[in-house]
Amino acid sequence: FVDVPKPEGGGRLGYWRERLPLPQEAWVVVTVGRLHPVKGLDVLLAALACAPGYIEDWPVHLVIVGDGPLRAALEQEAHALGLSGRVHFVGWQTDPGPYYRACDLVVCASRQEAFGNTVLEAWAYGRAVLSTRTAGPLEIITHGADGWLVPAEDPAALAQGIERLLKDLGARHDLGEAGRKRLALDFSRERIVQQYHALYE
């Protein structure tokens, strides 16, 4: 389960971006996870490189929350793709909550994903999720209802998803709110503990 966080900072993106710090007048895409080949972060960097650098006059920035053996290679790849100024490696975070609060979109680019805690965490903060069609996200996301799914290892499809959702505030809002409701219905502490009790009985 994932607990729903208490509202903080008036829900304002600017408040959290100033604290982190992140650019104010920008689209902020966040991905959270171990920097490992299975997470597809190289695919996400390639997607960012082929997506529009600006959408409605704002630059598109990517924040990578996490650490792991690929960090140096990914930093080099971001530089080679000309993305150094728009990709932020912030390392492992005890509490990634502020990054969820500060972003416009959460992306899960995994090649394989057994479940997808990042999806639930994004839903807890009411954020829209763009994910690859891997086992875990396919099990919990209904495409177009509470999340957006694209093929794995397909930078062009991922880029199209990023562009489409960043251009559509209404869709992001609806996906985030539907995800929040789905979390409360199926993945809240109360619901999961209730299911454990039923199993033990």
N, C-alpha and C. Protein backbone atom coordinates (compact mmCIF):
# COMPACT_ATOMS: atom_id res chain seq x y z
N PHE A 1 0.84 -1.20 0.00
CA PHE A 1 0.00 0.00 0.00
C PHE A 1 0.87 1.25 0.00
N VAL A 2 0.25 2.35 -0.34
CA VAL A 2 0.91 3.65 -0.28
C VAL A 2 -0.02 4.60 0.44
N ASP A 3 0.47 5.27 1.44
CA ASP A 3 -0.35 6.23 2.18
C ASP A 3 -0.49 7.53 1.39
N VAL A 4 -1.66 8.12 1.45
CA VAL A 4 -1.90 9.41 0.79
C VAL A 4 -1.29 10.51 1.65
N PRO A 5 -0.41 11.34 1.10
CA PRO A 5 0.25 12.37 1.89
C PRO A 5 -0.71 13.50 2.27
N LYS A 6 -0.37 14.18 3.34
CA LYS A 6 -1.15 15.36 3.74
C LYS A 6 -0.79 16.52 2.82
N PRO A 7 -1.78 17.38 2.51
CA PRO A 7 -1.48 18.54 1.67
C PRO A 7 -0.45 19.45 2.35
N GLU A 8 0.50 19.93 1.57
CA GLU A 8 1.51 20.85 2.08
C GLU A 8 1.81 21.90 1.03
N GLY A 9 2.21 23.08 1.49
CA GLY A 9 2.63 24.13 0.58
C GLY A 9 1.53 24.65 -0.32
N GLY A 10 0.28 24.47 0.10
CA GLY A 10 -0.83 24.98 -0.69
C GLY A 10 -0.98 24.29 -2.03
N GLY A 11 -0.26 23.17 -2.24
CA GLY A 11 -0.36 22.46 -3.50
C GLY A 11 0.29 23.17 -4.67
N ARG A 12 1.05 24.23 -4.40
CA ARG A 12 1.63 25.03 -5.47
C ARG A 12 2.92 24.42 -5.99
N LEU A 13 3.00 24.24 -7.32
CA LEU A 13 4.23 23.72 -7.92
C LEU A 13 5.40 24.64 -7.61
N GLY A 14 5.18 25.95 -7.69
CA GLY A 14 6.25 26.91 -7.50
C GLY A 14 6.89 26.80 -6.13
N TYR A 15 6.10 26.53 -5.12
CA TYR A 15 6.62 26.40 -3.75
C TYR A 15 7.63 25.27 -3.68
N TRP A 16 7.29 24.12 -4.26
CA TRP A 16 8.18 22.97 -4.19
C TRP A 16 9.37 23.12 -5.13
N ARG A 17 9.16 23.74 -6.28
CA ARG A 17 10.28 23.92 -7.20
C ARG A 17 11.31 24.88 -6.62
N GLU A 18 10.86 25.86 -5.90
CA GLU A 18 11.79 26.80 -5.28
C GLU A 18 12.60 26.11 -4.19
N ARG A 19 11.98 25.19 -3.46
CA ARG A 19 12.66 24.49 -2.38
C ARG A 19 13.71 23.51 -2.89
N LEU A 20 13.54 22.94 -4.08
CA LEU A 20 14.36 21.78 -4.47
C LEU A 20 15.80 22.10 -4.90
N PRO A 21 16.19 23.07 -5.68
CA PRO A 21 15.40 23.96 -6.52
C PRO A 21 15.27 23.38 -7.93
N LEU A 22 14.17 23.75 -8.58
CA LEU A 22 13.93 23.39 -9.97
C LEU A 22 13.42 24.63 -10.69
N PRO A 23 13.55 24.67 -12.01
CA PRO A 23 13.08 25.86 -12.73
C PRO A 23 11.59 26.06 -12.56
N GLN A 24 11.19 27.32 -12.45
CA GLN A 24 9.78 27.65 -12.26
C GLN A 24 9.00 27.56 -13.56
N GLU A 25 9.48 28.22 -14.58
CA GLU A 25 8.76 28.26 -15.86
C GLU A 25 9.28 27.17 -16.77
N ALA A 26 8.88 25.95 -16.46
CA ALA A 26 9.32 24.78 -17.21
C ALA A 26 8.32 23.66 -16.96
N TRP A 27 8.32 22.71 -17.89
CA TRP A 27 7.61 21.45 -17.67
C TRP A 27 8.57 20.51 -16.96
N VAL A 28 8.15 19.95 -15.85
CA VAL A 28 9.01 19.07 -15.08
C VAL A 28 8.46 17.65 -15.12
N VAL A 29 9.24 16.76 -15.71
CA VAL A 29 8.92 15.34 -15.78
C VAL A 29 9.81 14.63 -14.78
N VAL A 30 9.22 13.76 -13.97
CA VAL A 30 9.97 13.06 -12.93
C VAL A 30 9.92 11.56 -13.16
N THR A 31 11.06 10.90 -12.94
CA THR A 31 11.10 9.45 -12.89
C THR A 31 11.83 9.05 -11.63
N VAL A 32 11.36 8.00 -10.97
CA VAL A 32 11.90 7.58 -9.68
C VAL A 32 12.28 6.11 -9.76
N GLY A 33 13.51 5.78 -9.38
CA GLY A 33 13.90 4.38 -9.38
C GLY A 33 15.40 4.20 -9.39
N ARG A 34 15.82 2.96 -9.25
CA ARG A 34 17.24 2.62 -9.27
C ARG A 34 17.79 2.81 -10.68
N LEU A 35 18.99 3.35 -10.76
CA LEU A 35 19.62 3.59 -12.06
C LEU A 35 20.26 2.29 -12.54
N HIS A 36 19.42 1.47 -13.14
CA HIS A 36 19.77 0.10 -13.54
C HIS A 36 19.21 -0.12 -14.94
N PRO A 37 19.83 -0.97 -15.77
CA PRO A 37 19.34 -1.15 -17.15
C PRO A 37 17.86 -1.47 -17.25
N VAL A 38 17.31 -2.22 -16.29
CA VAL A 38 15.92 -2.64 -16.38
C VAL A 38 14.96 -1.46 -16.35
N LYS A 39 15.40 -0.34 -15.78
CA LYS A 39 14.51 0.82 -15.62
C LYS A 39 14.36 1.63 -16.91
N GLY A 40 15.14 1.33 -17.94
CA GLY A 40 14.95 1.99 -19.23
C GLY A 40 15.24 3.47 -19.26
N LEU A 41 16.12 3.93 -18.39
CA LEU A 41 16.39 5.37 -18.34
C LEU A 41 17.14 5.85 -19.57
N ASP A 42 17.90 4.97 -20.22
CA ASP A 42 18.53 5.34 -21.48
C ASP A 42 17.47 5.59 -22.55
N VAL A 43 16.39 4.80 -22.51
CA VAL A 43 15.28 5.00 -23.45
C VAL A 43 14.59 6.33 -23.16
N LEU A 44 14.44 6.64 -21.87
CA LEU A 44 13.79 7.90 -21.50
C LEU A 44 14.63 9.10 -21.95
N LEU A 45 15.95 9.01 -21.82
CA LEU A 45 16.81 10.10 -22.30
C LEU A 45 16.68 10.24 -23.81
N ALA A 46 16.65 9.13 -24.53
CA ALA A 46 16.48 9.18 -25.98
C ALA A 46 15.13 9.80 -26.34
N ALA A 47 14.10 9.47 -25.57
CA ALA A 47 12.77 10.05 -25.80
C ALA A 47 12.78 11.55 -25.59
N LEU A 48 13.46 12.00 -24.52
CA LEU A 48 13.53 13.43 -24.25
C LEU A 48 14.26 14.15 -25.37
N ALA A 49 15.27 13.49 -25.93
CA ALA A 49 16.04 14.10 -27.01
C ALA A 49 15.22 14.25 -28.28
N CYS A 50 14.28 13.34 -28.53
CA CYS A 50 13.49 13.46 -29.76
C CYS A 50 12.14 14.13 -29.54
N ALA A 51 11.77 14.40 -28.30
CA ALA A 51 10.56 15.18 -28.02
C ALA A 51 10.88 16.67 -28.19
N PRO A 52 9.86 17.50 -28.38
CA PRO A 52 10.13 18.94 -28.47
C PRO A 52 10.84 19.45 -27.22
N GLY A 53 11.88 20.25 -27.41
CA GLY A 53 12.59 20.81 -26.28
C GLY A 53 11.77 21.84 -25.53
N TYR A 54 10.85 22.48 -26.28
CA TYR A 54 9.94 23.47 -25.70
C TYR A 54 8.52 23.10 -26.07
N ILE A 55 7.61 23.26 -25.14
CA ILE A 55 6.19 23.07 -25.38
C ILE A 55 5.48 24.32 -24.86
N GLU A 56 4.80 25.01 -25.75
CA GLU A 56 4.11 26.26 -25.40
C GLU A 56 5.07 27.21 -24.68
N ASP A 57 6.26 27.38 -25.25
CA ASP A 57 7.28 28.33 -24.81
C ASP A 57 7.99 27.95 -23.51
N TRP A 58 7.68 26.79 -22.95
CA TRP A 58 8.38 26.35 -21.74
C TRP A 58 9.29 25.17 -22.07
N PRO A 59 10.52 25.16 -21.53
CA PRO A 59 11.41 24.01 -21.76
C PRO A 59 10.93 22.79 -20.99
N VAL A 60 11.26 21.63 -21.50
CA VAL A 60 10.91 20.37 -20.84
C VAL A 60 12.14 19.85 -20.10
N HIS A 61 12.00 19.70 -18.77
CA HIS A 61 13.08 19.22 -17.93
C HIS A 61 12.74 17.85 -17.38
N LEU A 62 13.76 17.03 -17.18
CA LEU A 62 13.61 15.70 -16.60
C LEU A 62 14.39 15.63 -15.30
N VAL A 63 13.72 15.16 -14.25
CA VAL A 63 14.37 14.95 -12.95
C VAL A 63 14.43 13.44 -12.70
N ILE A 64 15.63 12.94 -12.51
CA ILE A 64 15.84 11.52 -12.24
C ILE A 64 16.15 11.36 -10.76
N VAL A 65 15.21 10.76 -10.03
CA VAL A 65 15.34 10.56 -8.59
C VAL A 65 15.79 9.12 -8.35
N GLY A 66 16.99 8.94 -7.82
CA GLY A 66 17.50 7.60 -7.57
C GLY A 66 18.98 7.53 -7.86
N ASP A 67 19.56 6.41 -7.50
CA ASP A 67 20.99 6.21 -7.73
C ASP A 67 21.21 4.77 -8.15
N GLY A 68 22.42 4.45 -8.59
CA GLY A 68 22.70 3.09 -9.03
C GLY A 68 23.90 3.04 -9.94
N PRO A 69 24.21 1.84 -10.44
CA PRO A 69 25.46 1.63 -11.19
C PRO A 69 25.53 2.36 -12.52
N LEU A 70 24.39 2.80 -13.06
CA LEU A 70 24.41 3.46 -14.37
C LEU A 70 24.51 4.98 -14.30
N ARG A 71 24.65 5.53 -13.11
CA ARG A 71 24.57 6.99 -13.02
C ARG A 71 25.58 7.70 -13.91
N ALA A 72 26.84 7.30 -13.83
CA ALA A 72 27.87 7.97 -14.64
C ALA A 72 27.59 7.81 -16.13
N ALA A 73 27.18 6.62 -16.53
CA ALA A 73 26.90 6.39 -17.95
C ALA A 73 25.70 7.21 -18.41
N LEU A 74 24.70 7.32 -17.57
CA LEU A 74 23.52 8.10 -17.94
C LEU A 74 23.84 9.59 -18.00
N GLU A 75 24.66 10.06 -17.09
CA GLU A 75 25.08 11.47 -17.14
C GLU A 75 25.84 11.75 -18.43
N GLN A 76 26.71 10.82 -18.83
CA GLN A 76 27.45 10.99 -20.08
C GLN A 76 26.51 10.96 -21.27
N GLU A 77 25.51 10.07 -21.22
CA GLU A 77 24.55 9.98 -22.31
C GLU A 77 23.73 11.26 -22.42
N ALA A 78 23.30 11.81 -21.29
CA ALA A 78 22.55 13.07 -21.31
C ALA A 78 23.39 14.17 -21.94
N HIS A 79 24.67 14.21 -21.61
CA HIS A 79 25.56 15.22 -22.18
C HIS A 79 25.71 15.02 -23.68
N ALA A 80 25.90 13.75 -24.10
CA ALA A 80 26.07 13.46 -25.52
C ALA A 80 24.83 13.82 -26.34
N LEU A 81 23.67 13.72 -25.72
CA LEU A 81 22.42 14.03 -26.40
C LEU A 81 22.09 15.53 -26.34
N GLY A 82 22.95 16.32 -25.69
CA GLY A 82 22.71 17.75 -25.57
C GLY A 82 21.64 18.10 -24.56
N LEU A 83 21.47 17.24 -23.54
CA LEU A 83 20.39 17.43 -22.56
C LEU A 83 20.89 17.87 -21.19
N SER A 84 22.18 18.13 -21.05
CA SER A 84 22.76 18.39 -19.73
C SER A 84 22.01 19.46 -18.95
N GLY A 85 21.59 20.51 -19.60
CA GLY A 85 20.91 21.60 -18.91
C GLY A 85 19.47 21.30 -18.55
N ARG A 86 18.93 20.21 -19.12
CA ARG A 86 17.51 19.90 -18.89
C ARG A 86 17.29 18.58 -18.15
N VAL A 87 18.37 17.89 -17.79
CA VAL A 87 18.25 16.64 -17.03
C VAL A 87 18.93 16.84 -15.68
N HIS A 88 18.21 16.55 -14.62
CA HIS A 88 18.70 16.77 -13.26
C HIS A 88 18.80 15.43 -12.54
N PHE A 89 20.00 15.03 -12.18
CA PHE A 89 20.23 13.82 -11.40
C PHE A 89 20.29 14.24 -9.93
N VAL A 90 19.29 13.88 -9.16
CA VAL A 90 19.23 14.36 -7.77
C VAL A 90 19.58 13.27 -6.76
N GLY A 91 19.92 12.07 -7.25
CA GLY A 91 20.36 11.02 -6.35
C GLY A 91 19.23 10.37 -5.57
N TRP A 92 19.64 9.49 -4.68
CA TRP A 92 18.68 8.77 -3.83
C TRP A 92 18.07 9.72 -2.82
N GLN A 93 16.77 9.63 -2.63
CA GLN A 93 16.06 10.52 -1.71
C GLN A 93 15.30 9.69 -0.68
N THR A 94 15.50 10.01 0.59
CA THR A 94 14.73 9.33 1.64
C THR A 94 13.25 9.56 1.44
N ASP A 95 12.90 10.77 1.05
CA ASP A 95 11.50 11.12 0.78
C ASP A 95 11.42 11.76 -0.60
N PRO A 96 10.94 11.01 -1.60
CA PRO A 96 10.81 11.60 -2.93
C PRO A 96 9.56 12.46 -3.09
N GLY A 97 8.78 12.57 -2.02
CA GLY A 97 7.51 13.31 -2.10
C GLY A 97 7.60 14.69 -2.70
N PRO A 98 8.58 15.52 -2.30
CA PRO A 98 8.65 16.86 -2.89
C PRO A 98 8.80 16.86 -4.42
N TYR A 99 9.45 15.84 -4.95
CA TYR A 99 9.61 15.78 -6.41
C TYR A 99 8.30 15.42 -7.10
N TYR A 100 7.52 14.55 -6.47
CA TYR A 100 6.18 14.28 -7.01
C TYR A 100 5.33 15.54 -6.96
N ARG A 101 5.44 16.28 -5.87
CA ARG A 101 4.64 17.50 -5.73
C ARG A 101 5.04 18.56 -6.76
N ALA A 102 6.32 18.57 -7.13
CA ALA A 102 6.83 19.65 -7.99
C ALA A 102 6.69 19.37 -9.48
N CYS A 103 6.24 18.16 -9.84
CA CYS A 103 6.29 17.80 -11.26
C CYS A 103 4.94 17.95 -11.95
N ASP A 104 5.00 17.93 -13.27
CA ASP A 104 3.80 17.94 -14.11
C ASP A 104 3.41 16.54 -14.54
N LEU A 105 4.39 15.64 -14.61
CA LEU A 105 4.14 14.31 -15.14
C LEU A 105 5.17 13.34 -14.55
N VAL A 106 4.70 12.12 -14.24
CA VAL A 106 5.59 11.06 -13.76
C VAL A 106 5.70 10.00 -14.86
N VAL A 107 6.94 9.60 -15.17
CA VAL A 107 7.17 8.62 -16.23
C VAL A 107 7.86 7.39 -15.66
N CYS A 108 7.35 6.23 -16.04
CA CYS A 108 7.99 4.95 -15.74
C CYS A 108 8.37 4.33 -17.07
N ALA A 109 9.68 4.29 -17.38
CA ALA A 109 10.15 3.86 -18.70
C ALA A 109 10.73 2.45 -18.69
N SER A 110 10.39 1.66 -17.69
CA SER A 110 11.04 0.36 -17.48
C SER A 110 10.91 -0.59 -18.67
N ARG A 111 11.96 -1.40 -18.82
CA ARG A 111 11.92 -2.52 -19.77
C ARG A 111 11.11 -3.67 -19.17
N GLN A 112 11.23 -3.85 -17.86
CA GLN A 112 10.45 -4.83 -17.10
C GLN A 112 10.06 -4.19 -15.79
N GLU A 113 8.88 -4.47 -15.31
CA GLU A 113 8.43 -3.93 -14.03
C GLU A 113 7.45 -4.93 -13.42
N ALA A 114 7.84 -5.53 -12.30
CA ALA A 114 7.00 -6.57 -11.71
C ALA A 114 5.72 -6.00 -11.11
N PHE A 115 5.80 -4.79 -10.56
CA PHE A 115 4.59 -4.17 -10.00
C PHE A 115 4.52 -2.70 -10.37
N GLY A 116 5.35 -1.89 -9.76
CA GLY A 116 5.36 -0.47 -10.10
C GLY A 116 4.94 0.42 -8.95
N ASN A 117 5.75 0.43 -7.87
CA ASN A 117 5.44 1.31 -6.74
C ASN A 117 5.40 2.77 -7.15
N THR A 118 6.22 3.13 -8.14
CA THR A 118 6.23 4.52 -8.60
C THR A 118 4.85 4.96 -9.07
N VAL A 119 4.12 4.07 -9.71
CA VAL A 119 2.76 4.39 -10.16
C VAL A 119 1.88 4.76 -8.97
N LEU A 120 1.92 3.93 -7.93
CA LEU A 120 1.10 4.20 -6.74
C LEU A 120 1.53 5.49 -6.05
N GLU A 121 2.83 5.72 -5.97
CA GLU A 121 3.32 6.95 -5.34
C GLU A 121 2.86 8.18 -6.12
N ALA A 122 2.93 8.11 -7.44
CA ALA A 122 2.46 9.23 -8.26
C ALA A 122 0.98 9.47 -8.04
N TRP A 123 0.20 8.39 -8.01
CA TRP A 123 -1.25 8.52 -7.76
C TRP A 123 -1.51 9.15 -6.39
N ALA A 124 -0.69 8.80 -5.40
CA ALA A 124 -0.89 9.36 -4.06
C ALA A 124 -0.80 10.88 -4.08
N TYR A 125 0.00 11.42 -5.00
CA TYR A 125 0.16 12.87 -5.11
C TYR A 125 -0.72 13.45 -6.22
N GLY A 126 -1.60 12.63 -6.78
CA GLY A 126 -2.51 13.11 -7.81
C GLY A 126 -1.84 13.46 -9.11
N ARG A 127 -0.72 12.78 -9.42
CA ARG A 127 0.02 13.08 -10.64
C ARG A 127 -0.30 12.07 -11.74
N ALA A 128 -0.38 12.57 -12.96
CA ALA A 128 -0.60 11.70 -14.12
C ALA A 128 0.64 10.83 -14.33
N VAL A 129 0.41 9.59 -14.77
CA VAL A 129 1.48 8.63 -14.99
C VAL A 129 1.51 8.21 -16.45
N LEU A 130 2.71 8.28 -17.02
CA LEU A 130 2.99 7.72 -18.34
C LEU A 130 3.92 6.55 -18.12
N SER A 131 3.50 5.36 -18.54
CA SER A 131 4.30 4.17 -18.27
C SER A 131 4.42 3.30 -19.51
N THR A 132 5.47 2.49 -19.51
CA THR A 132 5.60 1.47 -20.54
C THR A 132 4.67 0.30 -20.23
N ARG A 133 4.35 -0.44 -21.28
CA ARG A 133 3.44 -1.59 -21.13
C ARG A 133 4.22 -2.80 -20.62
N THR A 134 4.55 -2.77 -19.34
CA THR A 134 5.22 -3.90 -18.70
C THR A 134 4.25 -4.53 -17.71
N ALA A 135 4.63 -5.71 -17.18
CA ALA A 135 3.67 -6.53 -16.45
C ALA A 135 2.96 -5.80 -15.31
N GLY A 136 3.73 -5.13 -14.43
CA GLY A 136 3.12 -4.47 -13.29
C GLY A 136 2.17 -3.35 -13.67
N PRO A 137 2.66 -2.34 -14.42
CA PRO A 137 1.77 -1.26 -14.83
C PRO A 137 0.55 -1.74 -15.62
N LEU A 138 0.73 -2.76 -16.47
CA LEU A 138 -0.41 -3.29 -17.21
C LEU A 138 -1.47 -3.85 -16.27
N GLU A 139 -1.03 -4.38 -15.14
CA GLU A 139 -1.97 -4.96 -14.17
C GLU A 139 -2.76 -3.90 -13.43
N ILE A 140 -2.14 -2.74 -13.18
CA ILE A 140 -2.81 -1.76 -12.32
C ILE A 140 -3.31 -0.52 -13.06
N ILE A 141 -2.81 -0.25 -14.26
CA ILE A 141 -3.24 0.95 -15.00
C ILE A 141 -4.26 0.57 -16.06
N THR A 142 -5.33 1.35 -16.13
CA THR A 142 -6.28 1.26 -17.24
C THR A 142 -5.96 2.40 -18.20
N HIS A 143 -5.45 2.06 -19.38
CA HIS A 143 -4.97 3.07 -20.32
C HIS A 143 -6.07 4.08 -20.65
N GLY A 144 -5.71 5.37 -20.51
CA GLY A 144 -6.63 6.44 -20.84
C GLY A 144 -7.60 6.79 -19.73
N ALA A 145 -7.65 5.94 -18.69
CA ALA A 145 -8.57 6.21 -17.57
C ALA A 145 -7.80 6.73 -16.36
N ASP A 146 -6.79 5.98 -15.91
CA ASP A 146 -6.01 6.43 -14.75
C ASP A 146 -4.50 6.44 -15.03
N GLY A 147 -4.14 6.31 -16.29
CA GLY A 147 -2.74 6.37 -16.69
C GLY A 147 -2.63 6.27 -18.20
N TRP A 148 -1.41 6.41 -18.70
CA TRP A 148 -1.18 6.35 -20.15
C TRP A 148 -0.07 5.34 -20.39
N LEU A 149 -0.31 4.40 -21.30
CA LEU A 149 0.63 3.32 -21.56
C LEU A 149 1.19 3.39 -22.98
N VAL A 150 2.49 3.13 -23.11
CA VAL A 150 3.15 3.09 -24.42
C VAL A 150 4.04 1.85 -24.45
N PRO A 151 4.45 1.39 -25.63
CA PRO A 151 5.32 0.21 -25.71
C PRO A 151 6.65 0.44 -25.01
N ALA A 152 7.21 -0.63 -24.47
CA ALA A 152 8.53 -0.55 -23.85
C ALA A 152 9.61 -0.44 -24.92
N GLU A 153 10.73 0.16 -24.54
CA GLU A 153 11.90 0.31 -25.42
C GLU A 153 11.56 0.99 -26.74
N ASP A 154 10.69 1.98 -26.68
CA ASP A 154 10.27 2.72 -27.88
C ASP A 154 10.37 4.21 -27.59
N PRO A 155 11.55 4.82 -27.81
CA PRO A 155 11.73 6.24 -27.49
C PRO A 155 10.73 7.15 -28.19
N ALA A 156 10.39 6.84 -29.44
CA ALA A 156 9.45 7.69 -30.18
C ALA A 156 8.08 7.68 -29.53
N ALA A 157 7.60 6.49 -29.13
CA ALA A 157 6.28 6.40 -28.49
C ALA A 157 6.30 7.11 -27.14
N LEU A 158 7.40 6.97 -26.41
CA LEU A 158 7.52 7.64 -25.12
C LEU A 158 7.55 9.15 -25.30
N ALA A 159 8.26 9.61 -26.32
CA ALA A 159 8.32 11.05 -26.61
C ALA A 159 6.93 11.58 -26.97
N GLN A 160 6.19 10.83 -27.78
CA GLN A 160 4.84 11.25 -28.16
C GLN A 160 3.94 11.32 -26.94
N GLY A 161 4.08 10.35 -26.02
CA GLY A 161 3.28 10.38 -24.81
C GLY A 161 3.59 11.58 -23.94
N ILE A 162 4.88 11.89 -23.80
CA ILE A 162 5.29 13.06 -23.01
C ILE A 162 4.71 14.33 -23.61
N GLU A 163 4.87 14.48 -24.93
CA GLU A 163 4.36 15.69 -25.59
C GLU A 163 2.85 15.79 -25.46
N ARG A 164 2.15 14.70 -25.70
CA ARG A 164 0.69 14.72 -25.65
C ARG A 164 0.18 15.12 -24.28
N LEU A 165 0.74 14.52 -23.23
CA LEU A 165 0.23 14.79 -21.89
C LEU A 165 0.65 16.17 -21.38
N LEU A 166 1.85 16.63 -21.73
CA LEU A 166 2.25 17.97 -21.28
C LEU A 166 1.41 19.04 -21.96
N LYS A 167 0.95 18.77 -23.16
CA LYS A 167 0.11 19.76 -23.86
C LYS A 167 -1.33 19.78 -23.36
N ASP A 168 -1.74 18.77 -22.60
CA ASP A 168 -3.15 18.61 -22.23
C ASP A 168 -3.31 18.63 -20.71
N LEU A 169 -3.47 19.81 -20.15
CA LEU A 169 -3.63 19.96 -18.70
C LEU A 169 -4.85 19.19 -18.21
N GLY A 170 -5.94 19.24 -18.97
CA GLY A 170 -7.16 18.54 -18.57
C GLY A 170 -6.94 17.05 -18.45
N ALA A 171 -6.24 16.47 -19.42
CA ALA A 171 -5.98 15.03 -19.38
C ALA A 171 -5.10 14.68 -18.19
N ARG A 172 -4.06 15.49 -17.94
CA ARG A 172 -3.19 15.21 -16.80
C ARG A 172 -3.97 15.27 -15.49
N HIS A 173 -4.82 16.27 -15.38
CA HIS A 173 -5.62 16.40 -14.16
C HIS A 173 -6.54 15.21 -13.98
N ASP A 174 -7.23 14.83 -15.05
CA ASP A 174 -8.18 13.72 -14.96
C ASP A 174 -7.47 12.40 -14.65
N LEU A 175 -6.33 12.16 -15.29
CA LEU A 175 -5.59 10.93 -15.02
C LEU A 175 -5.10 10.90 -13.57
N GLY A 176 -4.60 12.05 -13.10
CA GLY A 176 -4.12 12.12 -11.72
C GLY A 176 -5.22 11.90 -10.70
N GLU A 177 -6.37 12.51 -10.93
CA GLU A 177 -7.48 12.34 -9.99
C GLU A 177 -8.04 10.93 -10.03
N ALA A 178 -8.11 10.34 -11.22
CA ALA A 178 -8.57 8.95 -11.33
C ALA A 178 -7.60 8.01 -10.63
N GLY A 179 -6.30 8.30 -10.77
CA GLY A 179 -5.30 7.49 -10.08
C GLY A 179 -5.42 7.62 -8.57
N ARG A 180 -5.67 8.83 -8.09
CA ARG A 180 -5.83 9.04 -6.65
C ARG A 180 -7.01 8.23 -6.11
N LYS A 181 -8.11 8.23 -6.88
CA LYS A 181 -9.29 7.46 -6.46
C LYS A 181 -9.02 5.97 -6.50
N ARG A 182 -8.30 5.51 -7.53
CA ARG A 182 -7.96 4.10 -7.63
C ARG A 182 -7.09 3.67 -6.46
N LEU A 183 -6.15 4.52 -6.09
CA LEU A 183 -5.29 4.23 -4.95
C LEU A 183 -6.11 4.05 -3.68
N ALA A 184 -7.04 4.98 -3.45
CA ALA A 184 -7.87 4.91 -2.25
C ALA A 184 -8.75 3.66 -2.24
N LEU A 185 -9.20 3.26 -3.41
CA LEU A 185 -10.11 2.12 -3.52
C LEU A 185 -9.39 0.79 -3.36
N ASP A 186 -8.22 0.65 -3.98
CA ASP A 186 -7.57 -0.66 -4.06
C ASP A 186 -6.22 -0.77 -3.38
N PHE A 187 -5.56 0.35 -3.10
CA PHE A 187 -4.19 0.27 -2.59
C PHE A 187 -3.95 1.14 -1.36
N SER A 188 -5.00 1.47 -0.64
CA SER A 188 -4.83 2.21 0.61
C SER A 188 -4.37 1.25 1.71
N ARG A 189 -3.83 1.80 2.78
CA ARG A 189 -3.44 0.98 3.93
C ARG A 189 -4.63 0.15 4.43
N GLU A 190 -5.79 0.80 4.54
CA GLU A 190 -6.96 0.11 5.08
C GLU A 190 -7.37 -1.06 4.20
N ARG A 191 -7.35 -0.84 2.87
CA ARG A 191 -7.78 -1.88 1.95
C ARG A 191 -6.82 -3.07 1.96
N ILE A 192 -5.51 -2.79 1.94
CA ILE A 192 -4.53 -3.87 1.90
C ILE A 192 -4.54 -4.64 3.22
N VAL A 193 -4.61 -3.96 4.36
CA VAL A 193 -4.66 -4.64 5.65
C VAL A 193 -5.93 -5.49 5.75
N GLN A 194 -7.03 -4.96 5.24
CA GLN A 194 -8.28 -5.72 5.23
C GLN A 194 -8.12 -7.02 4.44
N GLN A 195 -7.43 -6.95 3.31
CA GLN A 195 -7.21 -8.14 2.49
C GLN A 195 -6.31 -9.15 3.20
N TYR A 196 -5.30 -8.66 3.91
CA TYR A 196 -4.45 -9.57 4.68
C TYR A 196 -5.25 -10.27 5.77
N HIS A 197 -6.09 -9.50 6.47
CA HIS A 197 -6.92 -10.10 7.52
C HIS A 197 -7.81 -11.19 6.94
N ALA A 198 -8.42 -10.90 5.79
CA ALA A 198 -9.29 -11.88 5.15
C ALA A 198 -8.50 -13.14 4.77
N LEU A 199 -7.28 -12.95 4.28
CA LEU A 199 -6.45 -14.10 3.89
C LEU A 199 -6.11 -14.95 5.13
N TYR A 200 -5.71 -14.31 6.21
CA TYR A 200 -5.36 -15.07 7.41
C TYR A 200 -6.57 -15.81 7.97
N GLU A 201 -7.72 -15.15 7.95
CA GLU A 201 -8.93 -15.81 8.47
C GLU A 201 -9.30 -17.02 7.61
